[in-house]
């Protein structure tokens, strides 16, 4: 089974913020594939599905932790343990201040890069060996980072981030099918596919 975790903060107050890009990717993916979220194990909203790949069904679980961003690792650890999933089958989707707006970058491992949600996951599961799907939200040097990530996108930036979310939704099947190299070749190159 693949564990696909979008990082974000629960509640209407945070719904459209930059920090909730991970949640939004999963919501669009679920809508596209007629899946719905419900309360699940590990203080999370979850949605279980299957993907047909080369005549093989691959189970996956979409996860939106409800612990708030900085404690996301608690949900991830609980779900990995409950479903007996290896961290190598974990995919983490989240916002990245250091990437240009709308850019997607895939990585197989690495540090937290200053992202507290990612740091929480690494600390709780004891490894950094999992797939990351980073979506660029771009820094604004005039605004404190904590305030910036908790504000929504406006105008043209909303259009750009929505396009990035749609591209991230399109790449998830490649990752579910273990086609990481192909996904990296297609999505790491530029802002547009």
Protein backbone atom coordinates (compact mmCIF):
# COMPACT_ATOMS: atom_id res chain seq x y z
CA UNK A 1 0.00 0.00 0.00
CA UNK A 2 1.12 3.56 -0.75
CA UNK A 3 0.62 6.24 1.88
CA UNK A 4 0.08 9.61 0.17
CA UNK A 5 0.16 12.43 2.71
CA UNK A 6 -0.69 16.04 1.95
CA UNK A 7 0.52 18.49 4.58
CA UNK A 8 -1.67 21.33 5.80
CA UNK A 9 -3.64 22.70 8.72
CA UNK A 10 -7.21 21.65 9.52
CA UNK A 11 -10.15 24.04 9.56
CA UNK A 12 -11.79 26.61 7.29
CA UNK A 13 -9.43 29.35 8.50
CA UNK A 14 -6.48 27.65 6.79
CA UNK A 15 -8.24 26.11 3.81
CA UNK A 16 -6.92 28.42 1.07
CA UNK A 17 -3.55 29.29 2.64
CA UNK A 18 -0.20 28.64 1.00
CA UNK A 19 0.64 26.10 3.70
CA UNK A 20 -2.33 23.95 2.64
CA UNK A 21 -1.19 23.19 -0.89
CA UNK A 22 -0.62 19.55 0.11
CA UNK A 23 -4.22 19.18 1.29
CA UNK A 24 -5.48 20.81 -1.90
CA UNK A 25 -3.61 18.35 -4.15
CA UNK A 26 -5.25 15.42 -2.38
CA UNK A 27 -8.69 17.07 -2.50
CA UNK A 28 -8.46 17.57 -6.28
CA UNK A 29 -7.11 14.03 -6.79
CA UNK A 30 -9.94 12.58 -4.67
CA UNK A 31 -12.57 14.59 -6.55
CA UNK A 32 -11.15 13.51 -9.92
CA UNK A 33 -11.24 9.83 -8.91
CA UNK A 34 -14.57 9.96 -7.01
CA UNK A 35 -13.04 9.31 -3.57
CA UNK A 36 -14.14 10.90 -0.32
CA UNK A 37 -12.42 11.58 3.00
CA UNK A 38 -13.56 10.41 6.40
CA UNK A 39 -12.08 10.29 9.88
CA UNK A 40 -9.45 7.60 9.98
CA UNK A 41 -6.67 6.20 12.10
CA UNK A 42 -4.00 8.51 13.51
CA UNK A 43 -5.91 11.80 13.86
CA UNK A 44 -6.29 12.16 10.12
CA UNK A 45 -8.86 12.38 7.37
CA UNK A 46 -8.25 9.47 5.02
CA UNK A 47 -9.50 8.12 1.72
CA UNK A 48 -8.66 4.64 0.50
CA UNK A 49 -8.42 3.75 -3.17
CA UNK A 50 -6.94 1.37 -5.72
CA UNK A 51 -5.00 2.04 -8.88
CA UNK A 52 -4.78 -0.37 -11.81
CA UNK A 53 -1.22 -0.57 -13.14
CA UNK A 54 -0.17 -3.19 -15.69
CA UNK A 55 -2.96 -5.54 -14.66
CA UNK A 56 -2.03 -5.18 -10.98
CA UNK A 57 -4.12 -3.34 -8.40
CA UNK A 58 -2.13 -1.04 -6.10
CA UNK A 59 -3.79 0.06 -2.86
CA UNK A 60 -3.24 3.62 -1.66
CA UNK A 61 -4.37 5.77 1.22
CA UNK A 62 -4.75 9.54 0.89
CA UNK A 63 -4.07 11.28 4.20
CA UNK A 64 -4.75 14.79 5.51
CA UNK A 65 -3.30 14.93 9.06
CA UNK A 66 -5.53 16.85 11.48
CA UNK A 67 -2.78 17.50 14.04
CA UNK A 68 -1.71 20.87 12.59
CA UNK A 69 1.34 21.21 10.40
CA UNK A 70 4.11 21.10 13.01
CA UNK A 71 2.86 17.79 14.47
CA UNK A 72 2.14 16.02 11.16
CA UNK A 73 4.63 13.29 11.97
CA UNK A 74 2.37 11.88 14.69
CA UNK A 75 -0.32 11.01 12.12
CA UNK A 76 2.18 9.67 9.61
CA UNK A 77 3.93 7.42 12.16
CA UNK A 78 0.60 6.10 13.44
CA UNK A 79 -0.65 5.25 9.94
CA UNK A 80 2.61 3.64 8.80
CA UNK A 81 2.48 1.46 11.89
CA UNK A 82 -1.24 0.62 11.70
CA UNK A 83 -1.14 -0.39 8.02
CA UNK A 84 2.39 -1.87 8.25
CA UNK A 85 3.65 0.37 5.43
CA UNK A 86 7.35 0.94 4.83
CA UNK A 87 8.56 4.57 4.77
CA UNK A 88 9.77 3.83 1.22
CA UNK A 89 6.06 3.70 0.25
CA UNK A 90 5.38 7.12 1.79
CA UNK A 91 4.80 10.18 -0.41
CA UNK A 92 4.70 13.60 1.24
CA UNK A 93 3.16 16.58 -0.62
CA UNK A 94 3.87 20.06 0.71
CA UNK A 95 4.60 23.72 -0.02
CA UNK A 96 8.17 24.96 -0.50
CA UNK A 97 9.19 28.59 0.05
CA UNK A 98 12.48 28.09 -1.80
CA UNK A 99 10.90 27.05 -5.10
CA UNK A 100 9.51 29.43 -7.71
CA UNK A 101 5.74 29.79 -7.60
CA UNK A 102 4.11 26.79 -9.26
CA UNK A 103 7.28 24.79 -9.73
CA UNK A 104 7.15 21.11 -8.73
CA UNK A 105 10.20 19.24 -7.50
CA UNK A 106 10.35 15.55 -6.66
CA UNK A 107 12.97 14.08 -4.33
CA UNK A 108 13.60 10.58 -3.02
CA UNK A 109 15.14 11.68 0.29
CA UNK A 110 16.71 14.63 2.09
CA UNK A 111 16.38 17.00 5.01
CA UNK A 112 13.43 19.11 6.04
CA UNK A 113 14.70 22.31 4.38
CA UNK A 114 13.27 24.40 7.21
CA UNK A 115 9.74 22.99 6.77
CA UNK A 116 8.44 22.10 10.23
CA UNK A 117 5.84 19.65 8.96
CA UNK A 118 8.52 17.69 7.10
CA UNK A 119 10.83 17.89 10.14
CA UNK A 120 8.05 16.42 12.29
CA UNK A 121 7.62 13.50 9.88
CA UNK A 122 11.37 12.77 9.76
CA UNK A 123 11.63 12.94 13.55
CA UNK A 124 8.61 10.69 14.17
CA UNK A 125 9.37 7.97 11.62
CA UNK A 126 13.14 8.05 12.12
CA UNK A 127 14.15 8.32 8.47
CA UNK A 128 14.28 10.78 5.58
CA UNK A 129 14.01 8.01 2.99
CA UNK A 130 10.62 8.81 1.47
CA UNK A 131 9.31 10.57 -1.64
CA UNK A 132 8.68 14.31 -1.45
CA UNK A 133 6.49 16.26 -3.84
CA UNK A 134 7.37 19.89 -3.25
CA UNK A 135 5.24 22.67 -4.72
CA UNK A 136 6.77 26.10 -4.98
CA UNK A 137 5.03 28.96 -3.21
CA UNK A 138 7.98 31.38 -3.50
CA UNK A 139 9.21 33.64 -0.71
CA UNK A 140 8.24 37.25 -0.32
CA UNK A 141 11.19 38.90 1.47
CA UNK A 142 8.94 41.74 2.67
CA UNK A 143 6.73 39.39 4.71
CA UNK A 144 7.60 37.21 7.71
CA UNK A 145 7.64 33.57 6.53
CA UNK A 146 5.12 32.40 9.18
CA UNK A 147 2.64 35.11 8.15
CA UNK A 148 3.27 34.49 4.45
CA UNK A 149 2.51 30.75 4.50
CA UNK A 150 -0.71 31.32 6.46
CA UNK A 151 -2.07 33.80 3.91
CA UNK A 152 -4.01 32.87 0.75
CA UNK A 153 -2.90 33.36 -2.84
CA UNK A 154 -4.41 36.27 -4.74
CA UNK A 155 -5.02 37.13 -8.37
CA UNK A 156 -2.68 35.62 -10.93
CA UNK A 157 -0.81 33.70 -8.22
CA UNK A 158 -3.98 31.75 -7.45
CA UNK A 159 -4.17 30.74 -11.13
CA UNK A 160 -0.52 29.63 -11.16
CA UNK A 161 -0.85 27.57 -7.97
CA UNK A 162 -4.07 25.93 -9.20
CA UNK A 163 -2.23 24.85 -12.36
CA UNK A 164 0.58 23.43 -10.21
CA UNK A 165 -1.96 21.53 -8.11
CA UNK A 166 -3.46 20.03 -11.29
CA UNK A 167 0.02 18.97 -12.48
CA UNK A 168 0.74 17.38 -9.09
CA UNK A 169 -2.54 15.45 -9.37
CA UNK A 170 -1.40 14.20 -12.80
CA UNK A 171 1.94 12.96 -11.47
CA UNK A 172 0.52 10.93 -8.55
CA UNK A 173 -0.36 7.91 -10.72
CA UNK A 174 3.27 7.68 -11.87
CA UNK A 175 4.40 7.58 -8.25
CA UNK A 176 1.74 5.06 -7.25
CA UNK A 177 3.07 2.86 -10.09
CA UNK A 178 6.71 3.25 -8.86
CA UNK A 179 7.69 5.26 -11.95
CA UNK A 180 9.69 7.81 -9.95
CA UNK A 181 12.43 8.39 -12.54
CA UNK A 182 9.87 9.09 -15.26
CA UNK A 183 8.00 11.45 -12.93
CA UNK A 184 11.22 13.29 -12.04
CA UNK A 185 12.15 13.67 -15.71
CA UNK A 186 8.73 15.11 -16.54
CA UNK A 187 8.13 17.37 -13.54
CA UNK A 188 11.48 18.53 -12.17
CA UNK A 189 12.54 20.33 -15.35
CA UNK A 190 10.38 23.46 -15.31
CA UNK A 191 7.29 25.24 -14.06
CA UNK A 192 5.22 23.82 -16.92
CA UNK A 193 5.14 20.15 -17.97
